[in-house]
Amino acid sequence: MTIARKAPARLRSLSLEITGRCQLTCPSLCYAASGPTRGHGTMGDDDWVRTIDQSVALGAEEVQLIGGEPTLHPGFVSIARHAVDSGLRVRVYSNLFRISEDHWQLLEHQAVRLATTYHSSIAAEHDEVTGRQGSHTATRANITQAVRRGIALKVAVLDACDHQRAERARTELEALGVRDIHVGRVRAVGNAAAGTALPSTAELCGRCGDQRAVVLPNGDVAVCEIGRFLTAGNVQSASLASVLSSPQWAAASASIPRRTGPTACHPDCQPSNSDSCDPGKNDPCDPMGYAPPAPGSPVAAVPALV
């Protein structure tokens, strides 16, 4: 008797975490615990290209290149261009600390969109969050450059119980010409999870694994960037289709509490729109079980993307 194989779930959006390396450490915020000493992982350029091709076969409409800082990966431009040539929309999440002319030319492509995070209008505050002096000056200058070049740009401002700081940052971004600004909340994951027992699905928005996934630098496939502790398979040893049709993937996705009712996340909500699962700009769809952190408590970044 022939046993029918389950068809892989349709894929709309795939995030590719092509590196763990970053010029910044964001010691109290980074959900991926990235930093200057982290590597690019075990996925080679050919692995990323093959994964992009497999995502297209599964119906993907867009890929998002993240890290770490994706522009630090030596194959960043070629990987992104392959995705564009494959007919995909490409979203790049960068800290905008240092952007080369090759990067700018890529970001100017009509199929590419850009996102970044701006922590404060005050340089010392921004630099304290990133863990690197001068990061505010660099990021602000490159935000201005992106606006000048007409690049589609979304900027996240993280409100860690400092509403005035967030509003000051938003006001400055508007003055710089940024039109797509998201003020998002933060979650206790990654660097901010220090001292906690185990990652919790209560920190997730409820849409993880729903027509989306993330491939980590070692090839593991996770339900989303924030839910990176929920993995099922590896694209270096199996196809993306087989991972997404596996019982392990079904179990990982089923373990995430789903929102229902009028406050549920919109179906278009996805990690590449906003890791806070926010289809709008300023009305975040909070993670399941969310409660605003007390002032001074550790919180982790939830970068709001394009």
C-alpha atoms as a PDB file:
ATOM      1  CA  MET A   1       0.000   0.000   0.000  1.00  0.00           C
ATOM      2  CA  THR A   2       1.314   3.419  -0.945  1.00  0.00           C
ATOM      3  CA  ILE A   3       1.241   6.040   1.776  1.00  0.00           C
ATOM      4  CA  ALA A   4       0.585   9.532   0.467  1.00  0.00           C
ATOM      5  CA  ARG A   5       3.063  12.122   1.607  1.00  0.00           C
ATOM      6  CA  LYS A   6       1.715  15.297   3.101  1.00  0.00           C
ATOM      7  CA  ALA A   7       2.157  18.290   0.816  1.00  0.00           C
ATOM      8  CA  PRO A   8       4.379  21.029   2.269  1.00  0.00           C
ATOM      9  CA  ALA A   9       2.589  24.020   3.690  1.00  0.00           C
ATOM     10  CA  ARG A  10       2.444  27.024   1.375  1.00  0.00           C
ATOM     11  CA  LEU A  11       5.182  29.521   2.068  1.00  0.00           C
ATOM     12  CA  ARG A  12       4.644  33.254   1.669  1.00  0.00           C
ATOM     13  CA  SER A  13       7.646  34.750   3.421  1.00  0.00           C
ATOM     14  CA  LEU A  14      11.056  33.373   4.321  1.00  0.00           C
ATOM     15  CA  SER A  15      13.632  35.129   6.467  1.00  0.00           C
ATOM     16  CA  LEU A  16      17.263  34.244   5.883  1.00  0.00           C
ATOM     17  CA  GLU A  17      19.510  34.940   8.860  1.00  0.00           C
ATOM     18  CA  ILE A  18      22.676  34.849   6.814  1.00  0.00           C
ATOM     19  CA  THR A  19      25.050  35.791   9.629  1.00  0.00           C
ATOM     20  CA  GLY A  20      25.329  36.201  13.359  1.00  0.00           C
ATOM     21  CA  ARG A  21      28.027  38.837  13.000  1.00  0.00           C
ATOM     22  CA  CYS A  22      27.236  42.467  13.782  1.00  0.00           C
ATOM     23  CA  GLN A  23      29.240  45.608  14.504  1.00  0.00           C
ATOM     24  CA  LEU A  24      26.960  46.223  17.485  1.00  0.00           C
ATOM     25  CA  THR A  25      26.188  44.122  20.548  1.00  0.00           C
ATOM     26  CA  CYS A  26      22.925  45.659  21.842  1.00  0.00           C
ATOM     27  CA  PRO A  27      23.642  43.945  25.182  1.00  0.00           C
ATOM     28  CA  SER A  28      20.170  44.408  26.613  1.00  0.00           C
ATOM     29  CA  LEU A  29      18.127  44.074  23.428  1.00  0.00           C
ATOM     30  CA  CYS A  30      19.377  41.840  20.599  1.00  0.00           C
ATOM     31  CA  TYR A  31      16.979  38.914  20.148  1.00  0.00           C
ATOM     32  CA  ALA A  32      19.641  36.975  18.217  1.00  0.00           C
ATOM     33  CA  ALA A  33      22.530  37.720  20.608  1.00  0.00           C
ATOM     34  CA  SER A  34      24.588  38.879  17.622  1.00  0.00           C
ATOM     35  CA  GLY A  35      27.922  40.650  17.851  1.00  0.00           C
ATOM     36  CA  PRO A  36      31.396  41.256  16.384  1.00  0.00           C
ATOM     37  CA  THR A  37      32.719  37.868  17.493  1.00  0.00           C
ATOM     38  CA  ARG A  38      29.928  35.836  15.920  1.00  0.00           C
ATOM     39  CA  GLY A  39      30.463  34.052  12.609  1.00  0.00           C
ATOM     40  CA  HIS A  40      28.522  33.572   9.403  1.00  0.00           C
ATOM     41  CA  GLY A  41      27.474  30.043  10.292  1.00  0.00           C
ATOM     42  CA  THR A  42      27.791  26.868   8.248  1.00  0.00           C
ATOM     43  CA  MET A  43      25.535  27.861   5.350  1.00  0.00           C
ATOM     44  CA  GLY A  44      27.521  28.662   2.212  1.00  0.00           C
ATOM     45  CA  ASP A  45      26.374  30.956  -0.589  1.00  0.00           C
ATOM     46  CA  ASP A  46      25.225  27.935  -2.617  1.00  0.00           C
ATOM     47  CA  ASP A  47      23.124  26.772   0.337  1.00  0.00           C
ATOM     48  CA  TRP A  48      21.390  30.146   0.545  1.00  0.00           C
ATOM     49  CA  VAL A  49      20.794  30.223  -3.210  1.00  0.00           C
ATOM     50  CA  ARG A  50      19.355  26.710  -3.160  1.00  0.00           C
ATOM     51  CA  THR A  51      17.098  27.628  -0.251  1.00  0.00           C
ATOM     52  CA  ILE A  52      15.832  30.686  -2.126  1.00  0.00           C
ATOM     53  CA  ASP A  53      15.062  28.512  -5.159  1.00  0.00           C
ATOM     54  CA  GLN A  54      13.202  26.033  -2.987  1.00  0.00           C
ATOM     55  CA  SER A  55      11.191  28.829  -1.373  1.00  0.00           C
ATOM     56  CA  VAL A  56      10.090  30.028  -4.817  1.00  0.00           C
ATOM     57  CA  ALA A  57       8.888  26.513  -5.631  1.00  0.00           C
ATOM     58  CA  LEU A  58       6.799  26.615  -2.440  1.00  0.00           C
ATOM     59  CA  GLY A  59       5.111  29.852  -3.476  1.00  0.00           C
ATOM     60  CA  ALA A  60       7.166  32.390  -1.549  1.00  0.00           C
ATOM     61  CA  GLU A  61       6.638  35.987  -2.546  1.00  0.00           C
ATOM     62  CA  GLU A  62       9.414  37.578  -0.550  1.00  0.00           C
ATOM     63  CA  VAL A  63      12.577  36.885   1.381  1.00  0.00           C
ATOM     64  CA  GLN A  64      14.080  38.927   4.138  1.00  0.00           C
ATOM     65  CA  LEU A  65      17.817  39.122   4.746  1.00  0.00           C
ATOM     66  CA  ILE A  66      18.645  39.551   8.405  1.00  0.00           C
ATOM     67  CA  GLY A  67      21.408  38.866  10.904  1.00  0.00           C
ATOM     68  CA  GLY A  68      23.358  39.919  12.768  1.00  0.00           C
ATOM     69  CA  GLU A  69      24.081  42.552  10.183  1.00  0.00           C
ATOM     70  CA  PRO A  70      23.424  40.973   6.765  1.00  0.00           C
ATOM     71  CA  THR A  71      25.620  43.427   4.869  1.00  0.00           C
ATOM     72  CA  LEU A  72      28.659  41.989   6.684  1.00  0.00           C
ATOM     73  CA  HIS A  73      28.217  38.654   4.916  1.00  0.00           C
ATOM     74  CA  PRO A  74      30.612  38.513   1.940  1.00  0.00           C
ATOM     75  CA  GLY A  75      27.856  37.028  -0.239  1.00  0.00           C
ATOM     76  CA  PHE A  76      25.174  39.526   0.777  1.00  0.00           C
ATOM     77  CA  VAL A  77      24.858  41.310  -2.574  1.00  0.00           C
ATOM     78  CA  SER A  78      24.956  38.148  -4.682  1.00  0.00           C
ATOM     79  CA  ILE A  79      22.419  36.367  -2.445  1.00  0.00           C
ATOM     80  CA  ALA A  80      20.080  39.360  -2.547  1.00  0.00           C
ATOM     81  CA  ARG A  81      20.418  39.756  -6.310  1.00  0.00           C
ATOM     82  CA  HIS A  82      19.626  36.079  -6.828  1.00  0.00           C
ATOM     83  CA  ALA A  83      16.418  36.547  -4.856  1.00  0.00           C
ATOM     84  CA  VAL A  84      15.506  39.602  -6.953  1.00  0.00           C
ATOM     85  CA  ASP A  85      16.293  37.743 -10.186  1.00  0.00           C
ATOM     86  CA  SER A  86      14.041  34.919  -8.956  1.00  0.00           C
ATOM     87  CA  GLY A  87      11.114  37.335  -8.909  1.00  0.00           C
ATOM     88  CA  LEU A  88      10.978  37.768  -5.139  1.00  0.00           C
ATOM     89  CA  ARG A  89      10.547  40.940  -3.165  1.00  0.00           C
ATOM     90  CA  VAL A  90      13.585  41.405  -0.949  1.00  0.00           C
ATOM     91  CA  ARG A  91      13.596  43.072   2.445  1.00  0.00           C
ATOM     92  CA  VAL A  92      16.877  43.970   4.107  1.00  0.00           C
ATOM     93  CA  TYR A  93      17.040  44.630   7.827  1.00  0.00           C
ATOM     94  CA  SER A  94      20.241  46.550   8.524  1.00  0.00           C
ATOM     95  CA  ASN A  95      21.602  48.549  11.443  1.00  0.00           C
ATOM     96  CA  LEU A  96      22.809  51.080   8.826  1.00  0.00           C
ATOM     97  CA  PHE A  97      26.104  51.415  10.633  1.00  0.00           C
ATOM     98  CA  ARG A  98      28.171  51.167   7.460  1.00  0.00           C
ATOM     99  CA  ILE A  99      26.761  50.897   3.926  1.00  0.00           C
ATOM    100  CA  SER A 100      28.997  50.597   0.864  1.00  0.00           C
ATOM    101  CA  GLU A 101      28.167  51.973  -2.576  1.00  0.00           C
ATOM    102  CA  ASP A 102      27.462  48.404  -3.804  1.00  0.00           C
ATOM    103  CA  HIS A 103      24.938  48.068  -0.992  1.00  0.00           C
ATOM    104  CA  TRP A 104      23.278  51.362  -1.868  1.00  0.00           C
ATOM    105  CA  GLN A 105      22.936  50.324  -5.491  1.00  0.00           C
ATOM    106  CA  LEU A 106      21.243  47.099  -4.426  1.00  0.00           C
ATOM    107  CA  LEU A 107      18.933  48.906  -1.991  1.00  0.00           C
ATOM    108  CA  GLU A 108      17.859  51.289  -4.753  1.00  0.00           C
ATOM    109  CA  HIS A 109      16.366  48.401  -6.748  1.00  0.00           C
ATOM    110  CA  GLN A 110      12.577  48.686  -6.992  1.00  0.00           C
ATOM    111  CA  ALA A 111      12.107  45.144  -5.639  1.00  0.00           C
ATOM    112  CA  VAL A 112      14.165  45.839  -2.504  1.00  0.00           C
ATOM    113  CA  ARG A 113      13.032  47.501   0.700  1.00  0.00           C
ATOM    114  CA  LEU A 114      15.066  48.539   3.707  1.00  0.00           C
ATOM    115  CA  ALA A 115      14.422  48.618   7.448  1.00  0.00           C
ATOM    116  CA  THR A 116      16.424  49.691  10.465  1.00  0.00           C
ATOM    117  CA  THR A 117      16.039  50.519  14.155  1.00  0.00           C
ATOM    118  CA  TYR A 118      16.578  53.947  15.705  1.00  0.00           C
ATOM    119  CA  HIS A 119      16.905  53.921  19.468  1.00  0.00           C
ATOM    120  CA  SER A 120      17.005  57.599  20.394  1.00  0.00           C
ATOM    121  CA  SER A 121      17.391  61.094  19.022  1.00  0.00           C
ATOM    122  CA  ILE A 122      20.138  61.564  21.629  1.00  0.00           C
ATOM    123  CA  ALA A 123      23.456  60.075  20.525  1.00  0.00           C
ATOM    124  CA  ALA A 124      24.594  58.910  23.958  1.00  0.00           C
ATOM    125  CA  GLU A 125      21.317  57.081  24.570  1.00  0.00           C
ATOM    126  CA  HIS A 126      21.379  55.360  21.175  1.00  0.00           C
ATOM    127  CA  ASP A 127      25.030  54.364  21.583  1.00  0.00           C
ATOM    128  CA  GLU A 128      24.345  52.958  25.046  1.00  0.00           C
ATOM    129  CA  VAL A 129      21.696  50.665  23.604  1.00  0.00           C
ATOM    130  CA  THR A 130      23.873  49.451  20.720  1.00  0.00           C
ATOM    131  CA  GLY A 131      27.017  49.110  22.805  1.00  0.00           C
ATOM    132  CA  ARG A 132      29.088  51.060  20.280  1.00  0.00           C
ATOM    133  CA  GLN A 133      30.086  54.703  20.375  1.00  0.00           C
ATOM    134  CA  GLY A 134      29.387  56.495  17.114  1.00  0.00           C
ATOM    135  CA  SER A 135      26.565  54.172  16.048  1.00  0.00           C
ATOM    136  CA  HIS A 136      23.970  56.951  16.360  1.00  0.00           C
ATOM    137  CA  THR A 137      25.911  59.281  14.078  1.00  0.00           C
ATOM    138  CA  ALA A 138      26.424  56.553  11.489  1.00  0.00           C
ATOM    139  CA  THR A 139      22.851  55.241  11.502  1.00  0.00           C
ATOM    140  CA  ARG A 140      21.321  58.714  11.423  1.00  0.00           C
ATOM    141  CA  ALA A 141      23.529  59.733   8.488  1.00  0.00           C
ATOM    142  CA  ASN A 142      22.575  56.609   6.547  1.00  0.00           C
ATOM    143  CA  ILE A 143      18.875  57.096   7.284  1.00  0.00           C
ATOM    144  CA  THR A 144      19.260  60.539   5.731  1.00  0.00           C
ATOM    145  CA  GLN A 145      21.116  59.008   2.790  1.00  0.00           C
ATOM    146  CA  ALA A 146      18.389  56.408   2.224  1.00  0.00           C
ATOM    147  CA  VAL A 147      15.728  59.120   2.208  1.00  0.00           C
ATOM    148  CA  ARG A 148      17.778  61.209  -0.211  1.00  0.00           C
ATOM    149  CA  ARG A 149      18.166  58.254  -2.559  1.00  0.00           C
ATOM    150  CA  GLY A 150      14.428  57.547  -2.502  1.00  0.00           C
ATOM    151  CA  ILE A 151      14.849  54.083  -0.991  1.00  0.00           C
ATOM    152  CA  ALA A 152      11.753  52.486   0.547  1.00  0.00           C
ATOM    153  CA  LEU A 153      12.612  52.690   4.239  1.00  0.00           C
ATOM    154  CA  LYS A 154      10.870  51.703   7.427  1.00  0.00           C
ATOM    155  CA  VAL A 155      12.330  52.628  10.805  1.00  0.00           C
ATOM    156  CA  ALA A 156      11.482  50.942  14.088  1.00  0.00           C
ATOM    157  CA  VAL A 157      11.609  52.813  17.368  1.00  0.00           C
ATOM    158  CA  LEU A 158      11.602  50.530  20.386  1.00  0.00           C
ATOM    159  CA  ASP A 159       9.647  51.759  23.362  1.00  0.00           C
ATOM    160  CA  ALA A 160      11.180  50.134  26.440  1.00  0.00           C
ATOM    161  CA  CYS A 161       8.868  51.911  28.873  1.00  0.00           C
ATOM    162  CA  ASP A 162      10.363  55.279  27.916  1.00  0.00           C
ATOM    163  CA  HIS A 163       7.564  56.822  25.898  1.00  0.00           C
ATOM    164  CA  GLN A 164       9.114  60.275  25.773  1.00  0.00           C
ATOM    165  CA  ARG A 165      12.329  58.922  24.286  1.00  0.00           C
ATOM    166  CA  ALA A 166      10.351  56.988  21.683  1.00  0.00           C
ATOM    167  CA  GLU A 167       8.287  60.035  20.742  1.00  0.00           C
ATOM    168  CA  ARG A 168      11.387  62.215  20.477  1.00  0.00           C
ATOM    169  CA  ALA A 169      12.940  59.677  18.144  1.00  0.00           C
ATOM    170  CA  ARG A 170       9.775  59.520  16.046  1.00  0.00           C
ATOM    171  CA  THR A 171       9.635  63.304  15.776  1.00  0.00           C
ATOM    172  CA  GLU A 172      13.249  63.477  14.625  1.00  0.00           C
ATOM    173  CA  LEU A 173      12.722  60.732  12.050  1.00  0.00           C
ATOM    174  CA  GLU A 174       9.749  62.595  10.625  1.00  0.00           C
ATOM    175  CA  ALA A 175      11.908  65.712  10.382  1.00  0.00           C
ATOM    176  CA  LEU A 176      14.512  63.674   8.479  1.00  0.00           C
ATOM    177  CA  GLY A 177      11.863  62.720   5.936  1.00  0.00           C
ATOM    178  CA  VAL A 178      11.066  59.174   7.080  1.00  0.00           C
ATOM    179  CA  ARG A 179       7.422  58.432   6.392  1.00  0.00           C
ATOM    180  CA  ASP A 180       7.161  54.815   7.554  1.00  0.00           C
ATOM    181  CA  ILE A 181       7.831  54.685  11.293  1.00  0.00           C
ATOM    182  CA  HIS A 182       6.804  51.958  13.712  1.00  0.00           C
ATOM    183  CA  VAL A 183       6.928  52.411  17.459  1.00  0.00           C
ATOM    184  CA  GLY A 184       7.138  48.876  18.805  1.00  0.00           C
ATOM    185  CA  ARG A 185       7.323  47.126  22.118  1.00  0.00           C
ATOM    186  CA  VAL A 186      10.069  44.772  23.220  1.00  0.00           C
ATOM    187  CA  ARG A 187      10.188  41.217  24.514  1.00  0.00           C
ATOM    188  CA  ALA A 188      12.261  39.224  26.975  1.00  0.00           C
ATOM    189  CA  VAL A 189      14.139  37.087  24.451  1.00  0.00           C
ATOM    190  CA  GLY A 190      17.747  36.848  23.301  1.00  0.00           C
ATOM    191  CA  ASN A 191      20.147  39.043  25.254  1.00  0.00           C
ATOM    192  CA  ALA A 192      17.338  40.261  27.476  1.00  0.00           C
ATOM    193  CA  ALA A 193      16.411  36.721  28.457  1.00  0.00           C
ATOM    194  CA  ALA A 194      19.498  36.409  30.670  1.00  0.00           C
ATOM    195  CA  GLY A 195      18.494  34.967  34.000  1.00  0.00           C
ATOM    196  CA  THR A 196      15.215  33.527  32.740  1.00  0.00           C
ATOM    197  CA  ALA A 197      14.658  29.788  32.775  1.00  0.00           C
ATOM    198  CA  LEU A 198      13.501  28.896  29.265  1.00  0.00           C
ATOM    199  CA  PRO A 199      12.150  30.763  26.214  1.00  0.00           C
ATOM    200  CA  SER A 200       8.376  30.933  26.261  1.00  0.00           C
ATOM    201  CA  THR A 201       5.851  30.762  23.440  1.00  0.00           C
ATOM    202  CA  ALA A 202       3.937  33.403  25.404  1.00  0.00           C
ATOM    203  CA  GLU A 203       6.427  35.916  23.945  1.00  0.00           C
ATOM    204  CA  LEU A 204       5.269  35.088  20.400  1.00  0.00           C
ATOM    205  CA  CYS A 205       2.526  36.897  18.515  1.00  0.00           C
ATOM    206  CA  GLY A 206       0.707  33.727  17.465  1.00  0.00           C
ATOM    207  CA  ARG A 207       1.430  33.870  13.719  1.00  0.00           C
ATOM    208  CA  CYS A 208       4.827  32.149  13.736  1.00  0.00           C
ATOM    209  CA  GLY A 209       5.109  29.250  11.321  1.00  0.00           C
ATOM    210  CA  ASP A 210       1.978  30.357   9.437  1.00  0.00           C
ATOM    211  CA  GLN A 211       3.158  30.516   5.804  1.00  0.00           C
ATOM    212  CA  ARG A 212       6.474  31.841   7.029  1.00  0.00           C
ATOM    213  CA  ALA A 213       9.716  30.534   8.451  1.00  0.00           C
ATOM    214  CA  VAL A 214      13.289  31.550   9.128  1.00  0.00           C
ATOM    215  CA  VAL A 215      16.497  29.750   8.204  1.00  0.00           C
ATOM    216  CA  LEU A 216      19.250  30.306  10.755  1.00  0.00           C
ATOM    217  CA  PRO A 217      22.998  30.555   9.972  1.00  0.00           C
ATOM    218  CA  ASN A 218      23.506  26.852  10.687  1.00  0.00           C
ATOM    219  CA  GLY A 219      20.661  25.841   8.378  1.00  0.00           C
ATOM    220  CA  ASP A 220      18.089  25.122  11.078  1.00  0.00           C
ATOM    221  CA  VAL A 221      14.547  26.097  10.162  1.00  0.00           C
ATOM    222  CA  ALA A 222      12.599  27.935  12.883  1.00  0.00           C
ATOM    223  CA  VAL A 223       9.051  29.233  13.073  1.00  0.00           C
ATOM    224  CA  CYS A 224      10.231  32.870  13.221  1.00  0.00           C
ATOM    225  CA  GLU A 225      13.141  35.030  14.309  1.00  0.00           C
ATOM    226  CA  ILE A 226      11.789  35.533  17.809  1.00  0.00           C
ATOM    227  CA  GLY A 227      10.708  31.897  18.060  1.00  0.00           C
ATOM    228  CA  ARG A 228      14.161  30.648  17.074  1.00  0.00           C
ATOM    229  CA  PHE A 229      14.019  28.083  19.883  1.00  0.00           C
ATOM    230  CA  LEU A 230      11.311  26.213  17.920  1.00  0.00           C
ATOM    231  CA  THR A 231      13.176  24.470  15.098  1.00  0.00           C
ATOM    232  CA  ALA A 232      12.297  21.505  12.924  1.00  0.00           C
ATOM    233  CA  GLY A 233      14.869  20.227  10.473  1.00  0.00           C
ATOM    234  CA  ASN A 234      17.833  21.673   8.640  1.00  0.00           C
ATOM    235  CA  VAL A 235      18.097  22.711   4.985  1.00  0.00           C
ATOM    236  CA  GLN A 236      21.665  21.413   4.766  1.00  0.00           C
ATOM    237  CA  SER A 237      20.451  17.867   5.241  1.00  0.00           C
ATOM    238  CA  ALA A 238      16.908  18.056   3.850  1.00  0.00           C
ATOM    239  CA  SER A 239      14.911  20.138   1.403  1.00  0.00           C
ATOM    240  CA  LEU A 240      12.898  23.087   2.642  1.00  0.00           C
ATOM    241  CA  ALA A 241       9.750  21.357   1.392  1.00  0.00           C
ATOM    242  CA  SER A 242      10.438  18.235   3.418  1.00  0.00           C
ATOM    243  CA  VAL A 243      11.115  20.285   6.551  1.00  0.00           C
ATOM    244  CA  LEU A 244       7.870  22.229   6.211  1.00  0.00           C
ATOM    245  CA  SER A 245       5.861  19.060   5.588  1.00  0.00           C
ATOM    246  CA  SER A 246       7.407  17.143   8.489  1.00  0.00           C
ATOM    247  CA  PRO A 247       5.605  16.119  11.690  1.00  0.00           C
ATOM    248  CA  GLN A 248       8.274  18.036  13.602  1.00  0.00           C
ATOM    249  CA  TRP A 249       7.318  21.285  11.849  1.00  0.00           C
ATOM    250  CA  ALA A 250       3.641  20.630  12.473  1.00  0.00           C
ATOM    251  CA  ALA A 251       4.353  20.041  16.145  1.00  0.00           C
ATOM    252  CA  ALA A 252       6.467  23.192  16.473  1.00  0.00           C
ATOM    253  CA  SER A 253       3.788  25.308  14.811  1.00  0.00           C
ATOM    254  CA  ALA A 254       1.021  23.734  16.864  1.00  0.00           C
ATOM    255  CA  SER A 255       2.842  24.588  20.097  1.00  0.00           C
ATOM    256  CA  ILE A 256       2.334  28.318  19.495  1.00  0.00           C
ATOM    257  CA  PRO A 257      -0.805  29.819  21.063  1.00  0.00           C
ATOM    258  CA  ARG A 258      -2.981  31.290  18.317  1.00  0.00           C
ATOM    259  CA  ARG A 259      -4.897  34.502  18.690  1.00  0.00           C
ATOM    260  CA  THR A 260      -8.595  34.523  17.866  1.00  0.00           C
ATOM    261  CA  GLY A 261     -11.290  37.150  17.838  1.00  0.00           C
ATOM    262  CA  PRO A 262     -11.186  40.828  16.868  1.00  0.00           C
ATOM    263  CA  THR A 263      -7.721  41.405  18.342  1.00  0.00           C
ATOM    264  CA  ALA A 264      -6.095  38.613  16.362  1.00  0.00           C
ATOM    265  CA  CYS A 265      -3.153  39.422  14.150  1.00  0.00           C
ATOM    266  CA  HIS A 266      -4.067  40.254  10.596  1.00  0.00           C
ATOM    267  CA  PRO A 267      -3.270  37.460   8.111  1.00  0.00           C
ATOM    268  CA  ASP A 268      -0.802  39.730   6.343  1.00  0.00           C
ATOM    269  CA  CYS A 269       1.161  40.159   9.533  1.00  0.00           C
ATOM    270  CA  GLN A 270       4.517  38.477   9.189  1.00  0.00           C
ATOM    271  CA  PRO A 271       8.048  38.680  10.566  1.00  0.00           C
ATOM    272  CA  SER A 272       9.141  40.719   7.584  1.00  0.00           C
ATOM    273  CA  ASN A 273       6.406  43.257   8.213  1.00  0.00           C
ATOM    274  CA  SER A 274       7.190  43.447  11.883  1.00  0.00           C
ATOM    275  CA  ASP A 275       8.663  41.046  14.342  1.00  0.00           C
ATOM    276  CA  SER A 276       6.125  42.380  16.789  1.00  0.00           C
ATOM    277  CA  CYS A 277       3.451  40.964  14.486  1.00  0.00           C
ATOM    278  CA  ASP A 278       2.148  44.412  13.775  1.00  0.00           C
ATOM    279  CA  PRO A 279       0.294  44.998  10.495  1.00  0.00           C
ATOM    280  CA  GLY A 280      -0.082  48.661  11.360  1.00  0.00           C
ATOM    281  CA  LYS A 281       2.375  51.329  12.387  1.00  0.00           C
ATOM    282  CA  ASN A 282       1.466  52.105  15.949  1.00  0.00           C
ATOM    283  CA  ASP A 283      -1.044  49.543  17.152  1.00  0.00           C
ATOM    284  CA  PRO A 284       1.103  46.535  18.015  1.00  0.00           C
ATOM    285  CA  CYS A 285      -0.333  43.071  18.124  1.00  0.00           C
ATOM    286  CA  ASP A 286       1.188  42.044  21.410  1.00  0.00           C
ATOM    287  CA  PRO A 287       2.638  38.606  22.027  1.00  0.00           C
ATOM    288  CA  MET A 288       0.413  36.108  23.745  1.00  0.00           C
ATOM    289  CA  GLY A 289       0.351  36.793  27.452  1.00  0.00           C
ATOM    290  CA  TYR A 290       2.062  40.145  26.992  1.00  0.00           C
ATOM    291  CA  ALA A 291       2.311  42.442  29.969  1.00  0.00           C
ATOM    292  CA  PRO A 292       4.294  45.686  29.749  1.00  0.00           C
ATOM    293  CA  PRO A 293       7.651  45.285  31.523  1.00  0.00           C
ATOM    294  CA  ALA A 294       8.305  47.252  34.644  1.00  0.00           C
ATOM    295  CA  PRO A 295      10.607  50.240  34.234  1.00  0.00           C
ATOM    296  CA  GLY A 296      14.222  49.122  34.350  1.00  0.00           C
ATOM    297  CA  SER A 297      13.455  45.460  33.656  1.00  0.00           C
ATOM    298  CA  PRO A 298      15.372  43.704  30.833  1.00  0.00           C
ATOM    299  CA  VAL A 299      13.641  43.637  27.476  1.00  0.00           C
ATOM    300  CA  ALA A 300      14.686  42.454  24.062  1.00  0.00           C
ATOM    301  CA  ALA A 301      14.388  44.104  20.724  1.00  0.00           C
ATOM    302  CA  VAL A 302      11.537  43.238  18.409  1.00  0.00           C
ATOM    303  CA  PRO A 303      12.698  44.935  15.198  1.00  0.00           C
ATOM    304  CA  ALA A 304       9.811  46.250  13.151  1.00  0.00           C
ATOM    305  CA  LEU A 305      10.521  45.572   9.528  1.00  0.00           C
ATOM    306  CA  VAL A 306       9.165  46.661   6.203  1.00  0.00           C
END
